[in-house]
Amino acid sequence: MKIVVAYSGGLDTSVILHWLKETYRCEVIAYCADIGQEDELKGLDKKAKATGASKFYALDLVEEFARDFIFPMIQAGAIYENQYYLGTSIARPLIAKAQVDIARKEKADTVAHGATGKGNDQCRFELTYAALAPSLNIIAPWRMAEYQSQFKGRTEMLAYCAEKGINVEATAKKPYSMDRNLLHISYESGILEDPWLEPPKEIFKLSVSPEDAPNKPEYVELDFESGNCVAVNGKRLTPAGVMRALNKLGGKHGIGRVDLVENRFVGMKSRGVYETPGGTILHFAHRQMETLTMDREVMHLRDSLIPRYAELVYYGFWFAPEREALQAFVTESQRNVTGTVRLKLYKGNVITAGRKSPVSLYNPYVATMEADKGAYNQSDATGFIRLNALRLRTRAAVLAKKK
């Protein structure tokens, strides 16, 4: 047996890495994906090997994450339950995909992850494994009786680390858990399990609170080509560059904080607090660009699919055929979503300040309330309304006979 384990260097995966080595007495390869965690990745190579890994992979997936995962999801307008920007959800398929690639390269027969049996991440990891490498064996320690009996909670895990000489920064008093990537930071568990409790001000990392944001609004322009943002304030950027620039702007103005109780795939409700400054701006700007350039029926059809698309991402079906089919439609719908959106950022708010496009479907000569010089014949609306009212008149007549 040879195992590739998804490893972050935190308490859970540090314990799991050593436990796998100790339990299965086989080669364990640690792998960490850089998807924008920033300084959280420092020193993981030495730490992983000291914990028992025979090899350590650290893959820079930041640009791929933005280009092939965040941007297609933004094009689809996907927000789960009308609140959650899917920051954790969209990252897991990429992490699992790269883990499968390493397993193939190393000729490993097993992959392992540290996701809890109560959460969504176990589904996202394992559905990706199933879609891309169904022959791989999967070890999910948190669902194993022998692991659960040994580690009932953080106290036992910290004691295990002390006994085995595993260096971890966690403490038994940490009041919540945090997960960061290029799109967002999520906070959950601990003190946040009380949905009546307001999140402590000090937990937030990416944004100032709206009341502490600048008293003067700031304007920003986003350029789009075929549904993707390609420049911020006239400076052309890569997808990851766009996200970094918007995260900085959004954080400065207190944009993108969300506190919600969401419905997990496994059936329970959970409370999560999120910071998504750049993603919030990008979603809003993208929609404004669509209002100017997208055909009405195409927009309404795409919008009807948003809840389903968001569910697929949230549940972990990124590599499922139905998501890929939806994405093909989304890509087609974005063909003419090109132009510039100007926004005003102010104390947690994203406000439209203008939009323009070389392929705009907005015709001021038709829409004007002034004389339109024959661009639109208002009398045509008479027949249009009569035809649309035909079924209503027919129904009204039938109801009148019943009285």
Protein backbone atom coordinates (compact mmCIF):
# COMPACT_ATOMS: atom_id res chain seq x y z
CA MET A 1 0.00 0.00 0.00
CA LYS A 2 1.11 3.56 -0.77
CA ILE A 3 -1.00 6.48 0.42
CA VAL A 4 -1.22 10.09 -0.79
CA VAL A 5 -2.81 12.22 1.92
CA ALA A 6 -4.21 15.73 1.50
CA TYR A 7 -2.21 17.69 4.07
CA SER A 8 -2.54 21.25 5.35
CA GLY A 9 -0.18 21.15 8.32
CA GLY A 10 -2.96 21.85 10.81
CA LEU A 11 -3.91 19.76 13.79
CA ASP A 12 -6.24 17.32 12.00
CA THR A 13 -4.04 16.46 9.02
CA SER A 14 -0.88 16.34 11.14
CA VAL A 15 -2.48 13.72 13.38
CA ILE A 16 -3.88 11.84 10.39
CA LEU A 17 -0.54 11.77 8.57
CA HIS A 18 1.27 10.25 11.55
CA TRP A 19 -1.65 7.92 12.36
CA LEU A 20 -1.72 6.56 8.80
CA LYS A 21 2.02 5.88 8.91
CA GLU A 22 1.74 4.21 12.31
CA THR A 23 -1.40 2.21 11.53
CA TYR A 24 -0.72 0.96 8.01
CA ARG A 25 3.09 0.87 8.19
CA CYS A 26 3.43 1.92 4.59
CA GLU A 27 4.76 4.84 2.59
CA VAL A 28 2.69 7.99 3.11
CA ILE A 29 3.13 10.93 0.76
CA ALA A 30 1.91 14.34 1.93
CA TYR A 31 0.47 16.77 -0.57
CA CYS A 32 -0.54 20.39 -0.08
CA ALA A 33 -2.28 22.57 -2.66
CA ASP A 34 -1.48 26.27 -2.79
CA ILE A 35 -4.81 27.84 -3.72
CA GLY A 36 -4.12 31.21 -2.16
CA GLN A 37 -3.66 30.54 1.56
CA GLU A 38 -0.76 33.02 1.61
CA ASP A 39 1.64 32.59 4.56
CA GLU A 40 -0.11 29.49 5.91
CA LEU A 41 2.12 27.31 3.68
CA LYS A 42 5.49 28.28 5.13
CA GLY A 43 7.61 25.45 6.51
CA LEU A 44 5.22 22.64 5.57
CA ASP A 45 7.88 20.58 3.76
CA LYS A 46 9.99 20.04 6.88
CA LYS A 47 6.95 19.68 9.08
CA ALA A 48 5.37 16.98 6.89
CA LYS A 49 8.55 14.91 6.76
CA ALA A 50 9.09 15.27 10.50
CA THR A 51 5.55 14.00 11.00
CA GLY A 52 6.16 10.88 8.93
CA ALA A 53 5.81 11.68 5.23
CA SER A 54 8.27 10.00 2.87
CA LYS A 55 7.74 12.75 0.28
CA PHE A 56 6.06 16.13 0.21
CA TYR A 57 4.39 17.85 -2.73
CA ALA A 58 3.43 21.50 -2.67
CA LEU A 59 1.65 22.48 -5.87
CA ASP A 60 0.99 26.07 -6.93
CA LEU A 61 -2.59 25.86 -8.19
CA VAL A 62 -3.56 29.49 -7.68
CA GLU A 63 -3.83 30.47 -11.34
CA GLU A 64 -5.59 27.24 -12.30
CA PHE A 65 -7.99 27.76 -9.41
CA ALA A 66 -8.96 31.23 -10.61
CA ARG A 67 -9.03 30.44 -14.33
CA ASP A 68 -10.65 27.00 -14.44
CA PHE A 69 -12.80 26.97 -11.32
CA ILE A 70 -13.65 30.44 -9.95
CA PHE A 71 -14.20 32.18 -13.28
CA PRO A 72 -16.48 29.50 -14.82
CA MET A 73 -18.53 29.54 -11.62
CA ILE A 74 -18.79 33.35 -11.73
CA GLN A 75 -20.01 33.10 -15.33
CA ALA A 76 -22.78 30.80 -14.11
CA GLY A 77 -23.79 33.34 -11.44
CA ALA A 78 -23.67 30.58 -8.85
CA ILE A 79 -24.51 31.46 -5.24
CA TYR A 80 -25.73 28.70 -2.92
CA GLU A 81 -29.02 29.42 -1.15
CA ASN A 82 -28.79 33.04 -2.35
CA GLN A 83 -26.01 33.85 0.13
CA TYR A 84 -22.93 31.63 -0.05
CA TYR A 85 -20.33 32.38 -2.73
CA LEU A 86 -19.06 28.78 -2.63
CA GLY A 87 -15.47 29.61 -1.71
CA THR A 88 -14.68 26.31 0.02
CA SER A 89 -16.90 24.24 -2.25
CA ILE A 90 -15.19 25.24 -5.50
CA ALA A 91 -11.69 24.63 -4.12
CA ARG A 92 -12.13 20.99 -3.11
CA PRO A 93 -12.49 19.47 -6.60
CA LEU A 94 -9.21 21.07 -7.67
CA ILE A 95 -7.39 19.87 -4.55
CA ALA A 96 -8.71 16.34 -5.08
CA LYS A 97 -7.90 16.41 -8.81
CA ALA A 98 -4.26 17.28 -8.12
CA GLN A 99 -4.14 14.61 -5.41
CA VAL A 100 -5.25 12.03 -7.97
CA ASP A 101 -2.53 13.24 -10.35
CA ILE A 102 0.11 12.72 -7.68
CA ALA A 103 -1.24 9.27 -6.86
CA ARG A 104 -0.87 8.31 -10.51
CA LYS A 105 2.63 9.76 -10.71
CA GLU A 106 3.73 7.94 -7.54
CA LYS A 107 1.84 4.75 -8.46
CA ALA A 108 -0.03 4.97 -5.18
CA ASP A 109 -3.11 2.83 -4.72
CA THR A 110 -4.76 4.85 -1.93
CA VAL A 111 -5.74 8.43 -1.18
CA ALA A 112 -6.73 9.87 2.20
CA HIS A 113 -8.29 13.08 3.44
CA GLY A 114 -9.05 14.67 6.80
CA ALA A 115 -12.64 15.73 6.20
CA THR A 116 -15.09 15.06 9.00
CA GLY A 117 -17.95 12.62 8.57
CA LYS A 118 -20.40 15.41 9.37
CA GLY A 119 -19.38 17.80 6.64
CA ASN A 120 -19.58 18.47 2.92
CA ASP A 121 -15.87 18.17 2.13
CA GLN A 122 -15.84 14.38 2.39
CA CYS A 123 -18.40 14.32 -0.44
CA ARG A 124 -16.46 16.80 -2.54
CA PHE A 125 -13.19 14.89 -2.21
CA GLU A 126 -14.62 11.44 -2.75
CA LEU A 127 -16.98 12.33 -5.60
CA THR A 128 -13.97 13.80 -7.39
CA TYR A 129 -11.91 10.64 -6.75
CA ALA A 130 -14.80 8.57 -8.12
CA ALA A 131 -15.10 10.69 -11.26
CA LEU A 132 -11.38 10.82 -12.04
CA ALA A 133 -9.84 7.63 -10.57
CA PRO A 134 -12.50 5.14 -9.45
CA SER A 135 -9.96 2.38 -8.83
CA LEU A 136 -8.21 4.25 -6.00
CA ASN A 137 -8.81 3.09 -2.43
CA ILE A 138 -10.03 5.82 -0.07
CA ILE A 139 -9.22 6.22 3.62
CA ALA A 140 -11.39 8.67 5.55
CA PRO A 141 -10.13 8.37 9.14
CA TRP A 142 -12.91 10.43 10.71
CA ARG A 143 -15.42 7.80 9.55
CA MET A 144 -13.43 4.89 10.98
CA ALA A 145 -14.37 3.44 14.36
CA GLU A 146 -10.76 2.83 15.43
CA TYR A 147 -9.84 6.46 14.69
CA GLN A 148 -12.93 7.87 16.40
CA SER A 149 -12.32 5.77 19.51
CA GLN A 150 -8.77 7.09 19.76
CA PHE A 151 -9.55 10.73 18.96
CA LYS A 152 -12.83 11.89 20.43
CA GLY A 153 -11.87 15.55 20.12
CA ARG A 154 -9.12 18.15 20.07
CA THR A 155 -7.92 17.29 23.57
CA GLU A 156 -6.95 13.75 22.55
CA MET A 157 -5.41 14.99 19.29
CA LEU A 158 -3.23 17.54 21.09
CA ALA A 159 -2.15 14.90 23.59
CA TYR A 160 -1.22 12.57 20.70
CA CYS A 161 0.88 15.32 19.11
CA ALA A 162 2.67 15.95 22.40
CA GLU A 163 3.35 12.23 22.83
CA LYS A 164 4.63 11.76 19.27
CA GLY A 165 6.61 15.00 19.08
CA ILE A 166 4.40 16.50 16.35
CA ASN A 167 4.70 20.26 16.19
CA VAL A 168 1.29 21.97 15.90
CA GLU A 169 0.27 25.54 16.64
CA ALA A 170 -3.30 24.65 17.63
CA THR A 171 -4.49 24.89 21.20
CA ALA A 172 -7.47 23.37 22.95
CA LYS A 173 -8.89 26.86 23.45
CA LYS A 174 -9.07 27.92 19.80
CA PRO A 175 -12.64 29.26 19.54
CA TYR A 176 -13.36 28.46 15.85
CA SER A 177 -11.91 26.89 12.70
CA MET A 178 -10.76 28.81 9.64
CA ASP A 179 -10.17 27.86 5.99
CA ARG A 180 -8.64 30.25 3.48
CA ASN A 181 -8.11 30.38 -0.27
CA LEU A 182 -7.97 32.93 -3.08
CA LEU A 183 -11.75 33.36 -3.15
CA HIS A 184 -12.59 33.60 0.54
CA ILE A 185 -12.02 32.74 4.19
CA SER A 186 -14.57 30.62 6.05
CA TYR A 187 -15.07 30.49 9.81
CA GLU A 188 -17.11 27.85 11.59
CA SER A 189 -17.50 25.61 14.65
CA GLY A 190 -16.60 26.49 18.24
CA ILE A 191 -18.18 29.72 19.41
CA LEU A 192 -19.81 30.18 16.00
CA GLU A 193 -22.05 27.15 16.52
CA ASP A 194 -24.44 29.49 18.37
CA PRO A 195 -26.37 31.21 15.54
CA TRP A 196 -27.51 33.95 17.94
CA LEU A 197 -23.91 35.02 18.64
CA GLU A 198 -22.57 37.86 16.52
CA PRO A 199 -19.13 36.97 15.09
CA PRO A 200 -16.34 38.62 17.10
CA LYS A 201 -14.85 41.56 15.26
CA GLU A 202 -11.32 40.20 15.61
CA ILE A 203 -11.91 37.01 13.62
CA PHE A 204 -11.99 38.75 10.24
CA LYS A 205 -8.76 38.73 8.21
CA LEU A 206 -9.58 40.00 4.71
CA SER A 207 -11.85 42.96 5.42
CA VAL A 208 -12.45 45.85 7.75
CA SER A 209 -15.91 46.16 9.24
CA PRO A 210 -18.16 48.43 7.14
CA GLU A 211 -18.36 51.01 9.93
CA ASP A 212 -14.55 51.26 9.95
CA ALA A 213 -14.26 51.51 6.15
CA PRO A 214 -13.23 54.81 4.52
CA ASN A 215 -15.79 57.60 4.65
CA LYS A 216 -15.12 58.41 0.99
CA PRO A 217 -16.33 56.03 -1.76
CA GLU A 218 -13.88 54.58 -4.26
CA TYR A 219 -14.60 53.94 -7.93
CA VAL A 220 -13.31 50.89 -9.79
CA GLU A 221 -13.68 49.81 -13.42
CA LEU A 222 -13.77 46.17 -14.50
CA ASP A 223 -13.29 45.15 -18.13
CA PHE A 224 -14.95 41.93 -19.34
CA GLU A 225 -14.35 39.76 -22.37
CA SER A 226 -16.80 36.90 -23.04
CA GLY A 227 -17.92 36.84 -19.43
CA ASN A 228 -14.48 36.95 -17.81
CA CYS A 229 -12.93 39.95 -16.07
CA VAL A 230 -9.62 40.71 -17.81
CA ALA A 231 -8.65 44.10 -16.36
CA VAL A 232 -9.13 46.22 -13.25
CA ASN A 233 -8.90 50.00 -13.61
CA GLY A 234 -7.46 49.56 -17.08
CA LYS A 235 -4.66 47.23 -15.99
CA ARG A 236 -4.81 43.85 -17.68
CA LEU A 237 -4.46 40.99 -15.20
CA THR A 238 -4.53 37.21 -15.07
CA PRO A 239 -7.58 35.65 -13.39
CA ALA A 240 -5.63 35.26 -10.14
CA GLY A 241 -4.41 38.84 -10.49
CA VAL A 242 -8.01 40.02 -10.83
CA MET A 243 -9.00 38.18 -7.65
CA ARG A 244 -6.08 39.59 -5.67
CA ALA A 245 -6.78 43.16 -6.82
CA LEU A 246 -10.48 42.90 -6.01
CA ASN A 247 -9.82 41.23 -2.65
CA LYS A 248 -7.68 44.20 -1.68
CA LEU A 249 -10.26 46.75 -2.81
CA GLY A 250 -13.17 44.89 -1.29
CA GLY A 251 -11.40 44.33 2.00
CA LYS A 252 -10.55 48.00 2.25
CA HIS A 253 -14.23 48.93 1.98
CA GLY A 254 -15.71 46.19 4.19
CA ILE A 255 -17.30 44.28 1.32
CA GLY A 256 -18.18 40.60 1.22
CA ARG A 257 -18.97 39.51 4.77
CA VAL A 258 -21.69 36.87 4.98
CA ASP A 259 -23.11 35.15 8.07
CA LEU A 260 -25.55 32.36 7.28
CA VAL A 261 -27.11 29.12 8.40
CA GLU A 262 -26.80 26.78 5.42
CA ASN A 263 -28.11 23.32 4.55
CA ARG A 264 -25.29 20.79 4.28
CA PHE A 265 -25.44 17.99 1.72
CA VAL A 266 -25.41 15.39 4.51
CA GLY A 267 -28.67 16.76 5.89
CA MET A 268 -27.90 19.03 8.84
CA LYS A 269 -27.95 22.79 9.10
CA SER A 270 -24.69 24.56 9.97
CA ARG A 271 -23.66 28.12 10.66
CA GLY A 272 -20.85 29.62 8.63
CA VAL A 273 -19.25 33.06 8.52
CA TYR A 274 -17.47 34.05 5.33
CA GLU A 275 -15.35 36.81 3.85
CA THR A 276 -15.49 37.03 0.06
CA PRO A 277 -14.49 40.61 -0.82
CA GLY A 278 -13.23 40.13 -4.37
CA GLY A 279 -15.79 37.50 -5.27
CA THR A 280 -18.66 39.74 -4.15
CA ILE A 281 -17.44 42.58 -6.35
CA LEU A 282 -16.86 40.27 -9.31
CA HIS A 283 -20.31 38.64 -9.05
CA PHE A 284 -21.99 42.04 -8.93
CA ALA A 285 -19.98 43.51 -11.81
CA HIS A 286 -20.50 40.44 -13.97
CA ARG A 287 -24.26 40.66 -13.51
CA GLN A 288 -24.22 44.32 -14.50
CA MET A 289 -22.34 43.44 -17.67
CA GLU A 290 -24.89 40.75 -18.47
CA THR A 291 -27.82 43.16 -18.08
CA LEU A 292 -26.44 45.21 -20.95
CA THR A 293 -25.32 42.43 -23.28
CA MET A 294 -27.29 39.22 -22.68
CA ASP A 295 -30.50 38.33 -24.51
CA ARG A 296 -33.53 38.27 -22.22
CA GLU A 297 -34.57 34.66 -22.83
CA VAL A 298 -31.00 33.38 -22.58
CA MET A 299 -30.58 35.26 -19.28
CA HIS A 300 -33.84 33.95 -17.85
CA LEU A 301 -33.00 30.39 -18.86
CA ARG A 302 -29.51 30.64 -17.36
CA ASP A 303 -30.93 32.21 -14.20
CA SER A 304 -33.38 29.33 -13.80
CA LEU A 305 -30.38 26.97 -13.70
CA ILE A 306 -28.39 28.89 -11.07
CA PRO A 307 -29.82 27.03 -8.03
CA ARG A 308 -29.07 23.67 -9.65
CA TYR A 309 -25.56 24.69 -10.70
CA ALA A 310 -24.83 26.05 -7.22
CA GLU A 311 -26.06 22.81 -5.65
CA LEU A 312 -23.78 20.76 -7.89
CA VAL A 313 -20.77 22.81 -6.80
CA TYR A 314 -21.79 22.77 -3.13
CA TYR A 315 -22.44 19.03 -3.08
CA GLY A 316 -19.20 18.14 -4.90
CA PHE A 317 -20.38 17.22 -8.40
CA TRP A 318 -17.96 19.50 -10.26
CA PHE A 319 -16.74 16.65 -12.47
CA ALA A 320 -20.22 15.22 -13.04
CA PRO A 321 -21.65 15.19 -16.58
CA GLU A 322 -24.61 17.38 -15.65
CA ARG A 323 -22.34 20.18 -14.38
CA GLU A 324 -20.23 19.94 -17.52
CA ALA A 325 -23.36 20.10 -19.68
CA LEU A 326 -24.59 23.16 -17.78
CA GLN A 327 -21.17 24.76 -18.17
CA ALA A 328 -21.33 24.33 -21.95
CA PHE A 329 -24.58 26.30 -21.98
CA VAL A 330 -23.13 28.92 -19.65
CA THR A 331 -20.08 29.35 -21.90
CA GLU A 332 -22.32 29.88 -24.92
CA SER A 333 -24.44 32.40 -23.01
CA GLN A 334 -21.32 34.46 -22.22
CA ARG A 335 -20.18 34.95 -25.80
CA ASN A 336 -21.13 38.65 -25.91
CA VAL A 337 -20.72 39.54 -22.23
CA THR A 338 -18.04 42.07 -23.10
CA GLY A 339 -17.51 45.64 -21.99
CA THR A 340 -16.76 47.77 -18.92
CA VAL A 341 -18.56 48.15 -15.60
CA ARG A 342 -17.88 51.06 -13.25
CA LEU A 343 -18.64 50.48 -9.58
CA LYS A 344 -18.66 52.61 -6.43
CA LEU A 345 -17.41 50.87 -3.28
CA TYR A 346 -18.61 52.34 -0.01
CA LYS A 347 -18.88 50.91 3.51
CA GLY A 348 -19.80 47.34 2.61
CA ASN A 349 -21.81 48.29 -0.46
CA VAL A 350 -21.15 47.69 -4.15
CA ILE A 351 -23.05 50.28 -6.18
CA THR A 352 -23.38 50.51 -9.96
CA ALA A 353 -21.90 53.73 -11.34
CA GLY A 354 -22.00 52.90 -15.06
CA ARG A 355 -21.66 50.25 -17.73
CA LYS A 356 -20.86 50.25 -21.44
CA SER A 357 -20.28 47.68 -24.15
CA PRO A 358 -19.43 47.57 -27.86
CA VAL A 359 -22.06 44.82 -28.19
CA SER A 360 -24.72 46.37 -25.98
CA LEU A 361 -28.31 45.31 -26.62
CA TYR A 362 -29.54 48.49 -24.96
CA ASN A 363 -30.83 50.93 -27.60
CA PRO A 364 -31.47 54.41 -26.21
CA TYR A 365 -33.47 55.34 -29.33
CA VAL A 366 -35.95 52.57 -28.53
CA ALA A 367 -35.95 52.88 -24.72
CA THR A 368 -36.27 56.69 -24.59
CA MET A 369 -39.37 58.25 -23.07
CA GLU A 370 -38.88 61.20 -25.41
CA ALA A 371 -39.74 61.23 -29.11
CA ASP A 372 -38.09 58.15 -30.60
CA LYS A 373 -38.22 59.25 -34.28
CA GLY A 374 -40.02 56.11 -35.34
CA ALA A 375 -37.71 53.59 -33.70
CA TYR A 376 -40.64 52.04 -31.87
CA ASN A 377 -44.30 52.09 -32.88
CA GLN A 378 -46.25 52.24 -29.63
CA SER A 379 -49.49 51.20 -31.31
CA ASP A 380 -47.94 47.78 -31.97
CA ALA A 381 -48.35 47.08 -28.26
CA THR A 382 -52.14 46.96 -28.63
CA GLY A 383 -52.16 43.69 -30.55
CA PHE A 384 -49.32 42.33 -28.42
CA ILE A 385 -51.30 42.87 -25.23
CA ARG A 386 -54.55 41.55 -26.72
CA LEU A 387 -52.90 38.29 -27.77
CA ASN A 388 -51.24 37.83 -24.38
CA ALA A 389 -54.54 38.61 -22.66
CA LEU A 390 -56.55 36.10 -24.71
CA ARG A 391 -56.22 33.23 -22.24
CA LEU A 392 -56.97 35.55 -19.33
CA ARG A 393 -60.18 36.77 -20.96
CA THR A 394 -61.17 33.21 -21.79
CA ARG A 395 -60.62 32.08 -18.22
CA ALA A 396 -62.51 35.08 -16.85
CA ALA A 397 -65.50 34.23 -19.05
CA VAL A 398 -65.54 30.62 -17.82
CA LEU A 399 -65.35 31.74 -14.18
CA ALA A 400 -68.18 34.24 -14.74
CA LYS A 401 -70.49 31.44 -15.97
CA LYS A 402 -69.92 29.52 -12.73
CA LYS A 403 -71.24 32.36 -10.59
